[in-house]
PDB file of N, CA and C in Angstrom:
ATOM      1  N   MET A   1       0.823  -1.182   0.000  1.00  0.00           N
ATOM      2  CA  MET A   1       0.000   0.000   0.000  1.00  0.00           C
ATOM      3  C   MET A   1       0.869   1.248   0.000  1.00  0.00           C
ATOM      4  N   HIS A   2       0.300   2.336  -0.457  1.00  0.00           N
ATOM      5  CA  HIS A   2       0.980   3.630  -0.507  1.00  0.00           C
ATOM      6  C   HIS A   2       0.139   4.657   0.229  1.00  0.00           C
ATOM      7  N   CYS A   3       0.775   5.441   1.102  1.00  0.00           N
ATOM      8  CA  CYS A   3       0.073   6.516   1.806  1.00  0.00           C
ATOM      9  C   CYS A   3      -0.352   7.575   0.786  1.00  0.00           C
ATOM     10  N   ARG A   4      -1.591   8.034   0.862  1.00  0.00           N
ATOM     11  CA  ARG A   4      -2.057   9.060  -0.087  1.00  0.00           C
ATOM     12  C   ARG A   4      -1.487  10.434   0.198  1.00  0.00           C
ATOM     13  N   LYS A   5      -1.018  10.674   1.415  1.00  0.00           N
ATOM     14  CA  LYS A   5      -0.482  11.993   1.760  1.00  0.00           C
ATOM     15  C   LYS A   5       0.954  12.177   1.288  1.00  0.00           C
ATOM     16  N   CYS A   6       1.787  11.123   1.444  1.00  0.00           N
ATOM     17  CA  CYS A   6       3.213  11.288   1.124  1.00  0.00           C
ATOM     18  C   CYS A   6       3.729  10.270   0.110  1.00  0.00           C
ATOM     19  N   CYS A   7       2.922   9.300  -0.294  1.00  0.00           N
ATOM     20  CA  CYS A   7       3.275   8.292  -1.301  1.00  0.00           C
ATOM     21  C   CYS A   7       4.372   7.325  -0.878  1.00  0.00           C
ATOM     22  N   LEU A   8       4.579   7.120   0.412  1.00  0.00           N
ATOM     23  CA  LEU A   8       5.563   6.148   0.869  1.00  0.00           C
ATOM     24  C   LEU A   8       4.941   4.762   0.830  1.00  0.00           C
ATOM     25  N   HIS A   9       5.702   3.782   0.340  1.00  0.00           N
ATOM     26  CA  HIS A   9       5.231   2.398   0.267  1.00  0.00           C
ATOM     27  C   HIS A   9       5.378   1.766   1.650  1.00  0.00           C
ATOM     28  N   LEU A  10       4.270   1.250   2.222  1.00  0.00           N
ATOM     29  CA  LEU A  10       4.239   0.700   3.572  1.00  0.00           C
ATOM     30  C   LEU A  10       3.452  -0.590   3.597  1.00  0.00           C
ATOM     31  N   SER A  11       3.409  -1.232   4.772  1.00  0.00           N
ATOM     32  CA  SER A  11       2.551  -2.386   4.999  1.00  0.00           C
ATOM     33  C   SER A  11       1.452  -1.976   5.967  1.00  0.00           C
ATOM     34  N   LYS A  12       0.243  -2.500   5.765  1.00  0.00           N
ATOM     35  CA  LYS A  12      -0.891  -2.151   6.619  1.00  0.00           C
ATOM     36  C   LYS A  12      -0.714  -2.671   8.031  1.00  0.00           C
ATOM     37  N   ASN A  13      -1.307  -1.973   9.002  1.00  0.00           N
ATOM     38  CA  ASN A  13      -1.400  -2.485  10.361  1.00  0.00           C
ATOM     39  C   ASN A  13      -2.412  -3.613  10.398  1.00  0.00           C
ATOM     40  N   LYS A  14      -2.480  -4.330  11.512  1.00  0.00           N
ATOM     41  CA  LYS A  14      -3.444  -5.419  11.655  1.00  0.00           C
ATOM     42  C   LYS A  14      -4.885  -4.921  11.556  1.00  0.00           C
ATOM     43  N   ASN A  15      -5.122  -3.679  11.993  1.00  0.00           N
ATOM     44  CA  ASN A  15      -6.482  -3.131  11.937  1.00  0.00           C
ATOM     45  C   ASN A  15      -6.795  -2.442  10.609  1.00  0.00           C
ATOM     46  N   GLY A  16      -5.908  -2.556   9.615  1.00  0.00           N
ATOM     47  CA  GLY A  16      -6.168  -2.032   8.277  1.00  0.00           C
ATOM     48  C   GLY A  16      -5.874  -0.563   8.086  1.00  0.00           C
ATOM     49  N   THR A  17      -5.134   0.052   9.012  1.00  0.00           N
ATOM     50  CA  THR A  17      -4.806   1.472   8.878  1.00  0.00           C
ATOM     51  C   THR A  17      -3.352   1.644   8.458  1.00  0.00           C
ATOM     52  N   VAL A  18      -3.009   2.867   8.099  1.00  0.00           N
ATOM     53  CA  VAL A  18      -1.635   3.208   7.715  1.00  0.00           C
ATOM     54  C   VAL A  18      -0.797   3.317   9.000  1.00  0.00           C
ATOM     55  N   PRO A  19       0.364   2.653   9.070  1.00  0.00           N
ATOM     56  CA  PRO A  19       1.187   2.768  10.278  1.00  0.00           C
ATOM     57  C   PRO A  19       1.796   4.163  10.417  1.00  0.00           C
ATOM     58  N   VAL A  20       2.269   4.461  11.618  1.00  0.00           N
ATOM     59  CA  VAL A  20       2.914   5.752  11.863  1.00  0.00           C
ATOM     60  C   VAL A  20       4.199   5.803  11.043  1.00  0.00           C
ATOM     61  N   HIS A  21       4.344   6.872  10.276  1.00  0.00           N
ATOM     62  CA  HIS A  21       5.544   7.084   9.478  1.00  0.00           C
ATOM     63  C   HIS A  21       5.812   8.579   9.403  1.00  0.00           C
ATOM     64  N   TYR A  22       6.949   8.952   8.872  1.00  0.00           N
ATOM     65  CA  TYR A  22       7.429  10.323   8.984  1.00  0.00           C
ATOM     66  C   TYR A  22       7.737  10.949   7.628  1.00  0.00           C
ATOM     67  N   VAL A  23       7.679  12.282   7.600  1.00  0.00           N
ATOM     68  CA  VAL A  23       8.076  13.065   6.430  1.00  0.00           C
ATOM     69  C   VAL A  23       9.131  14.070   6.884  1.00  0.00           C
ATOM     70  N   GLN A  24      10.051  14.399   5.996  1.00  0.00           N
ATOM     71  CA  GLN A  24      11.104  15.346   6.336  1.00  0.00           C
ATOM     72  C   GLN A  24      10.591  16.764   6.109  1.00  0.00           C
ATOM     73  N   VAL A  25      10.822  17.625   7.100  1.00  0.00           N
ATOM     74  CA  VAL A  25      10.420  19.026   7.028  1.00  0.00           C
ATOM     75  C   VAL A  25      11.680  19.866   7.102  1.00  0.00           C
ATOM     76  N   SER A  26      11.894  20.702   6.106  1.00  0.00           N
ATOM     77  CA  SER A  26      13.064  21.574   6.085  1.00  0.00           C
ATOM     78  C   SER A  26      12.663  22.942   6.591  1.00  0.00           C
ATOM     79  N   GLY A  27      13.361  23.403   7.598  1.00  0.00           N
ATOM     80  CA  GLY A  27      13.109  24.726   8.151  1.00  0.00           C
ATOM     81  C   GLY A  27      14.293  25.631   7.915  1.00  0.00           C
ATOM     82  N   PHE A  28      14.152  26.883   8.311  1.00  0.00           N
ATOM     83  CA  PHE A  28      15.230  27.841   8.105  1.00  0.00           C
ATOM     84  C   PHE A  28      16.425  27.528   9.006  1.00  0.00           C
ATOM     85  N   PHE A  29      16.142  27.184  10.275  1.00  0.00           N
ATOM     86  CA  PHE A  29      17.222  26.907  11.218  1.00  0.00           C
ATOM     87  C   PHE A  29      17.493  25.430  11.423  1.00  0.00           C
ATOM     88  N   SER A  30      16.511  24.573  11.157  1.00  0.00           N
ATOM     89  CA  SER A  30      16.728  23.145  11.405  1.00  0.00           C
ATOM     90  C   SER A  30      15.869  22.307  10.467  1.00  0.00           C
ATOM     91  N   ASP A  31      16.295  21.067  10.301  1.00  0.00           N
ATOM     92  CA  ASP A  31      15.540  20.079   9.541  1.00  0.00           C
ATOM     93  C   ASP A  31      15.092  19.021  10.533  1.00  0.00           C
ATOM     94  N   ARG A  32      13.873  18.489  10.353  1.00  0.00           N
ATOM     95  CA  ARG A  32      13.370  17.512  11.306  1.00  0.00           C
ATOM     96  C   ARG A  32      12.397  16.567  10.618  1.00  0.00           C
ATOM     97  N   ASP A  33      12.030  15.505  11.325  1.00  0.00           N
ATOM     98  CA  ASP A  33      11.030  14.552  10.863  1.00  0.00           C
ATOM     99  C   ASP A  33       9.729  14.799  11.610  1.00  0.00           C
ATOM    100  N   ASP A  34       8.626  14.928  10.896  1.00  0.00           N
ATOM    101  CA  ASP A  34       7.301  15.066  11.496  1.00  0.00           C
ATOM    102  C   ASP A  34       6.465  13.860  11.113  1.00  0.00           C
ATOM    103  N   VAL A  35       5.513  13.519  11.968  1.00  0.00           N
ATOM    104  CA  VAL A  35       4.603  12.421  11.669  1.00  0.00           C
ATOM    105  C   VAL A  35       3.732  12.829  10.483  1.00  0.00           C
ATOM    106  N   CYS A  36       3.596  11.941   9.513  1.00  0.00           N
ATOM    107  CA  CYS A  36       2.798  12.214   8.323  1.00  0.00           C
ATOM    108  C   CYS A  36       1.325  12.324   8.710  1.00  0.00           C
ATOM    109  N   ALA A  37       0.596  13.184   8.027  1.00  0.00           N
ATOM    110  CA  ALA A  37      -0.833  13.360   8.291  1.00  0.00           C
ATOM    111  C   ALA A  37      -1.639  12.112   7.935  1.00  0.00           C
ATOM    112  N   GLY A  38      -1.093  11.232   7.116  1.00  0.00           N
ATOM    113  CA  GLY A  38      -1.795  10.006   6.734  1.00  0.00           C
ATOM    114  C   GLY A  38      -1.635   8.872   7.738  1.00  0.00           C
ATOM    115  N   SER A  39      -0.810   9.051   8.767  1.00  0.00           N
ATOM    116  CA  SER A  39      -0.595   8.005   9.768  1.00  0.00           C
ATOM    117  C   SER A  39      -1.868   7.745  10.561  1.00  0.00           C
ATOM    118  N   GLY A  40      -2.203   6.467  10.740  1.00  0.00           N
ATOM    119  CA  GLY A  40      -3.361   6.086  11.540  1.00  0.00           C
ATOM    120  C   GLY A  40      -4.695   6.198  10.820  1.00  0.00           C
ATOM    121  N   THR A  41      -4.693   6.542   9.550  1.00  0.00           N
ATOM    122  CA  THR A  41      -5.942   6.683   8.799  1.00  0.00           C
ATOM    123  C   THR A  41      -6.114   5.495   7.852  1.00  0.00           C
ATOM    124  N   ARG A  42      -7.211   5.486   7.145  1.00  0.00           N
ATOM    125  CA  ARG A  42      -7.435   4.483   6.103  1.00  0.00           C
ATOM    126  C   ARG A  42      -7.311   5.122   4.718  1.00  0.00           C
ATOM    127  N   ASP A  43      -6.554   6.201   4.665  1.00  0.00           N
ATOM    128  CA  ASP A  43      -6.366   6.967   3.431  1.00  0.00           C
ATOM    129  C   ASP A  43      -5.107   6.473   2.716  1.00  0.00           C
ATOM    130  N   PHE A  44      -5.255   5.420   1.892  1.00  0.00           N
ATOM    131  CA  PHE A  44      -4.118   4.849   1.187  1.00  0.00           C
ATOM    132  C   PHE A  44      -4.568   4.260  -0.135  1.00  0.00           C
ATOM    133  N   TRP A  45      -3.596   3.985  -0.998  1.00  0.00           N
ATOM    134  CA  TRP A  45      -3.823   3.279  -2.254  1.00  0.00           C
ATOM    135  C   TRP A  45      -3.288   1.873  -2.100  1.00  0.00           C
ATOM    136  N   GLU A  46      -3.999   0.906  -2.614  1.00  0.00           N
ATOM    137  CA  GLU A  46      -3.459  -0.452  -2.697  1.00  0.00           C
ATOM    138  C   GLU A  46      -2.415  -0.463  -3.811  1.00  0.00           C
ATOM    139  N   ASP A  47      -1.517  -1.437  -3.772  1.00  0.00           N
ATOM    140  CA  ASP A  47      -0.441  -1.487  -4.765  1.00  0.00           C
ATOM    141  C   ASP A  47      -0.966  -1.574  -6.198  1.00  0.00           C
ATOM    142  N   HIS A  48      -2.048  -2.308  -6.417  1.00  0.00           N
ATOM    143  CA  HIS A  48      -2.566  -2.454  -7.780  1.00  0.00           C
ATOM    144  C   HIS A  48      -3.278  -1.192  -8.270  1.00  0.00           C
ATOM    145  N   GLU A  49      -3.588  -0.255  -7.362  1.00  0.00           N
ATOM    146  CA  GLU A  49      -4.247   0.999  -7.757  1.00  0.00           C
ATOM    147  C   GLU A  49      -3.260   2.090  -8.168  1.00  0.00           C
ATOM    148  N   VAL A  50      -1.992   1.908  -7.833  1.00  0.00           N
ATOM    149  CA  VAL A  50      -0.990   2.933  -8.099  1.00  0.00           C
ATOM    150  C   VAL A  50      -0.457   2.775  -9.514  1.00  0.00           C
ATOM    151  N   ARG A  51      -0.573   3.840 -10.296  1.00  0.00           N
ATOM    152  CA  ARG A  51      -0.038   3.825 -11.656  1.00  0.00           C
ATOM    153  C   ARG A  51       1.470   4.074 -11.616  1.00  0.00           C
ATOM    154  N   ARG A  52       2.159   3.584 -12.609  1.00  0.00           N
ATOM    155  CA  ARG A  52       3.608   3.772 -12.691  1.00  0.00           C
ATOM    156  C   ARG A  52       3.925   5.273 -12.736  1.00  0.00           C
ATOM    157  N   GLY A  53       4.811   5.719 -11.875  1.00  0.00           N
ATOM    158  CA  GLY A  53       5.191   7.125 -11.840  1.00  0.00           C
ATOM    159  C   GLY A  53       4.262   8.003 -11.025  1.00  0.00           C
ATOM    160  N   GLN A  54       3.190   7.432 -10.469  1.00  0.00           N
ATOM    161  CA  GLN A  54       2.233   8.234  -9.706  1.00  0.00           C
ATOM    162  C   GLN A  54       2.812   8.648  -8.348  1.00  0.00           C
ATOM    163  N   CYS A  55       3.437   7.720  -7.662  1.00  0.00           N
ATOM    164  CA  CYS A  55       4.038   8.024  -6.366  1.00  0.00           C
ATOM    165  C   CYS A  55       5.489   8.421  -6.574  1.00  0.00           C
ATOM    166  N   ASP A  56       5.860   9.550  -5.978  1.00  0.00           N
ATOM    167  CA  ASP A  56       7.185  10.094  -6.239  1.00  0.00           C
ATOM    168  C   ASP A  56       8.077  10.111  -5.003  1.00  0.00           C
ATOM    169  N   ARG A  57       7.811   9.239  -4.025  1.00  0.00           N
ATOM    170  CA  ARG A  57       8.652   9.208  -2.832  1.00  0.00           C
ATOM    171  C   ARG A  57       9.290   7.823  -2.674  1.00  0.00           C
ATOM    172  N   PRO A  58      10.403   7.601  -3.336  1.00  0.00           N
ATOM    173  CA  PRO A  58      11.073   6.308  -3.209  1.00  0.00           C
ATOM    174  C   PRO A  58      11.857   6.225  -1.898  1.00  0.00           C
ATOM    175  N   ARG A  59      12.156   5.017  -1.466  1.00  0.00           N
ATOM    176  CA  ARG A  59      12.995   4.835  -0.270  1.00  0.00           C
ATOM    177  C   ARG A  59      14.457   5.134  -0.568  1.00  0.00           C
ATOM    178  N   SER A  60      14.901   4.778  -1.753  1.00  0.00           N
ATOM    179  CA  SER A  60      16.296   5.034  -2.114  1.00  0.00           C
ATOM    180  C   SER A  60      16.387   6.371  -2.853  1.00  0.00           C
ATOM    181  N   ARG A  61      17.585   6.759  -3.148  1.00  0.00           N
ATOM    182  CA  ARG A  61      17.861   8.016  -3.872  1.00  0.00           C
ATOM    183  C   ARG A  61      17.419   9.256  -3.092  1.00  0.00           C
ATOM    184  N   ASN A  62      17.457   9.195  -1.769  1.00  0.00           N
ATOM    185  CA  ASN A  62      17.177  10.366  -0.938  1.00  0.00           C
ATOM    186  C   ASN A  62      18.497  10.941  -0.463  1.00  0.00           C
ATOM    187  N   ARG A  63      18.504  12.208  -0.146  1.00  0.00           N
ATOM    188  CA  ARG A  63      19.720  12.871   0.341  1.00  0.00           C
ATOM    189  C   ARG A  63      19.445  13.484   1.712  1.00  0.00           C
ATOM    190  N   CYS A  64      20.462  13.445   2.557  1.00  0.00           N
ATOM    191  CA  CYS A  64      20.359  14.086   3.865  1.00  0.00           C
ATOM    192  C   CYS A  64      20.277  15.593   3.638  1.00  0.00           C
ATOM    193  N   PRO A  65      19.314  16.287   4.270  1.00  0.00           N
ATOM    194  CA  PRO A  65      19.200  17.730   4.052  1.00  0.00           C
ATOM    195  C   PRO A  65      20.362  18.521   4.646  1.00  0.00           C
ATOM    196  N   THR A  66      21.113  17.939   5.567  1.00  0.00           N
ATOM    197  CA  THR A  66      22.215  18.651   6.201  1.00  0.00           C
ATOM    198  C   THR A  66      23.544  18.436   5.480  1.00  0.00           C
ATOM    199  N   CYS A  67      23.909  17.155   5.248  1.00  0.00           N
ATOM    200  CA  CYS A  67      25.226  16.879   4.657  1.00  0.00           C
ATOM    201  C   CYS A  67      25.159  16.441   3.194  1.00  0.00           C
ATOM    202  N   ASN A  68      23.967  16.286   2.644  1.00  0.00           N
ATOM    203  CA  ASN A  68      23.742  15.951   1.238  1.00  0.00           C
ATOM    204  C   ASN A  68      24.248  14.557   0.864  1.00  0.00           C
ATOM    205  N   ARG A  69      24.396  13.686   1.827  1.00  0.00           N
ATOM    206  CA  ARG A  69      24.858  12.318   1.568  1.00  0.00           C
ATOM    207  C   ARG A  69      23.699  11.481   1.049  1.00  0.00           C
ATOM    208  N   PRO A  70      23.897  10.643   0.021  1.00  0.00           N
ATOM    209  CA  PRO A  70      22.812   9.783  -0.464  1.00  0.00           C
ATOM    210  C   PRO A  70      22.494   8.690   0.558  1.00  0.00           C
ATOM    211  N   LEU A  71      21.201   8.519   0.857  1.00  0.00           N
ATOM    212  CA  LEU A  71      20.760   7.569   1.873  1.00  0.00           C
ATOM    213  C   LEU A  71      19.510   6.838   1.423  1.00  0.00           C
ATOM    214  N   THR A  72      19.219   5.719   2.091  1.00  0.00           N
ATOM    215  CA  THR A  72      17.976   4.981   1.897  1.00  0.00           C
ATOM    216  C   THR A  72      17.153   5.141   3.162  1.00  0.00           C
ATOM    217  N   LEU A  73      15.886   5.507   3.029  1.00  0.00           N
ATOM    218  CA  LEU A  73      15.015   5.716   4.188  1.00  0.00           C
ATOM    219  C   LEU A  73      14.769   4.411   4.934  1.00  0.00           C
ATOM    220  N   THR A  74      14.491   4.515   6.231  1.00  0.00           N
ATOM    221  CA  THR A  74      14.142   3.342   7.024  1.00  0.00           C
ATOM    222  C   THR A  74      12.712   2.924   6.696  1.00  0.00           C
ATOM    223  N   ARG A  75      12.248   1.830   7.302  1.00  0.00           N
ATOM    224  CA  ARG A  75      10.905   1.316   7.002  1.00  0.00           C
ATOM    225  C   ARG A  75       9.798   2.300   7.346  1.00  0.00           C
ATOM    226  N   ASN A  76      10.021   3.171   8.340  1.00  0.00           N
ATOM    227  CA  ASN A  76       8.985   4.129   8.698  1.00  0.00           C
ATOM    228  C   ASN A  76       9.201   5.509   8.076  1.00  0.00           C
ATOM    229  N   GLY A  77      10.087   5.600   7.077  1.00  0.00           N
ATOM    230  CA  GLY A  77      10.248   6.838   6.320  1.00  0.00           C
ATOM    231  C   GLY A  77      11.238   7.834   6.890  1.00  0.00           C
ATOM    232  N   ARG A  78      12.001   7.449   7.887  1.00  0.00           N
ATOM    233  CA  ARG A  78      12.970   8.367   8.474  1.00  0.00           C
ATOM    234  C   ARG A  78      14.339   8.230   7.818  1.00  0.00           C
ATOM    235  N   ILE A  79      15.127   9.294   7.923  1.00  0.00           N
ATOM    236  CA  ILE A  79      16.512   9.249   7.484  1.00  0.00           C
ATOM    237  C   ILE A  79      17.297   8.572   8.601  1.00  0.00           C
ATOM    238  N   PRO A  80      18.105   7.541   8.284  1.00  0.00           N
ATOM    239  CA  PRO A  80      18.828   6.832   9.337  1.00  0.00           C
ATOM    240  C   PRO A  80      19.969   7.677   9.920  1.00  0.00           C
ATOM    241  N   LYS A  81      20.400   7.303  11.138  1.00  0.00           N
ATOM    242  CA  LYS A  81      21.569   7.953  11.717  1.00  0.00           C
ATOM    243  C   LYS A  81      22.766   7.598  10.858  1.00  0.00           C
ATOM    244  N   HIS A  82      23.638   8.559  10.625  1.00  0.00           N
ATOM    245  CA  HIS A  82      24.790   8.330   9.773  1.00  0.00           C
ATOM    246  C   HIS A  82      25.904   9.288  10.155  1.00  0.00           C
ATOM    247  N   LYS A  83      27.061   9.066   9.569  1.00  0.00           N
ATOM    248  CA  LYS A  83      28.220   9.908   9.866  1.00  0.00           C
ATOM    249  C   LYS A  83      28.535  10.793   8.666  1.00  0.00           C
ATOM    250  N   ASP A  84      29.014  11.981   8.981  1.00  0.00           N
ATOM    251  CA  ASP A  84      29.431  12.937   7.961  1.00  0.00           C
ATOM    252  C   ASP A  84      30.919  13.194   8.152  1.00  0.00           C
ATOM    253  N   GLY A  85      31.730  12.532   7.349  1.00  0.00           N
ATOM    254  CA  GLY A  85      33.176  12.694   7.450  1.00  0.00           C
ATOM    255  C   GLY A  85      33.732  12.149   8.754  1.00  0.00           C
ATOM    256  N   GLY A  86      33.199  11.052   9.270  1.00  0.00           N
ATOM    257  CA  GLY A  86      33.705  10.449  10.496  1.00  0.00           C
ATOM    258  C   GLY A  86      33.018  10.925  11.755  1.00  0.00           C
ATOM    259  N   ARG A  87      32.315  12.039  11.695  1.00  0.00           N
ATOM    260  CA  ARG A  87      31.586  12.553  12.861  1.00  0.00           C
ATOM    261  C   ARG A  87      30.089  12.344  12.628  1.00  0.00           C
ATOM    262  N   PRO A  88      29.321  12.175  13.704  1.00  0.00           N
ATOM    263  CA  PRO A  88      27.870  12.056  13.521  1.00  0.00           C
ATOM    264  C   PRO A  88      27.303  13.289  12.830  1.00  0.00           C
ATOM    265  N   CYS A  89      26.385  13.072  11.900  1.00  0.00           N
ATOM    266  CA  CYS A  89      25.771  14.174  11.164  1.00  0.00           C
ATOM    267  C   CYS A  89      24.916  15.015  12.112  1.00  0.00           C
ATOM    268  N   ARG A  90      24.794  16.309  11.845  1.00  0.00           N
ATOM    269  CA  ARG A  90      24.002  17.207  12.683  1.00  0.00           C
ATOM    270  C   ARG A  90      22.504  16.937  12.573  1.00  0.00           C
ATOM    271  N   TYR A  91      22.086  16.270  11.499  1.00  0.00           N
ATOM    272  CA  TYR A  91      20.657  15.970  11.330  1.00  0.00           C
ATOM    273  C   TYR A  91      20.236  14.984  12.397  1.00  0.00           C
ATOM    274  N   THR A  92      19.219  15.305  13.165  1.00  0.00           N
ATOM    275  CA  THR A  92      18.775  14.416  14.239  1.00  0.00           C
ATOM    276  C   THR A  92      17.403  13.857  13.900  1.00  0.00           C
ATOM    277  N   PRO A  93      17.347  12.580  13.531  1.00  0.00           N
ATOM    278  CA  PRO A  93      16.046  11.986  13.218  1.00  0.00           C
ATOM    279  C   PRO A  93      15.211  11.745  14.457  1.00  0.00           C
TER     280      PRO A  93
END
């Protein structure tokens, strides 16, 4: 299934709702992860309903907003903890 709010590919909860997942929000002073508005709702597309190219939020080919390193999102849509040049990145998921 795909969340209709952010187009992330997820698996349904046992009760048929979208699990809690996150979207990246870029601010002037900081970047952070916020809970997606589609979390906990029944607002989703089944896999067979999604047309090719309709959802534009892949897990791979994402970049850290702070250090610009290419990363793959975790299962719940967050940017994983990583290092920037040997030191922990300033981005705090």
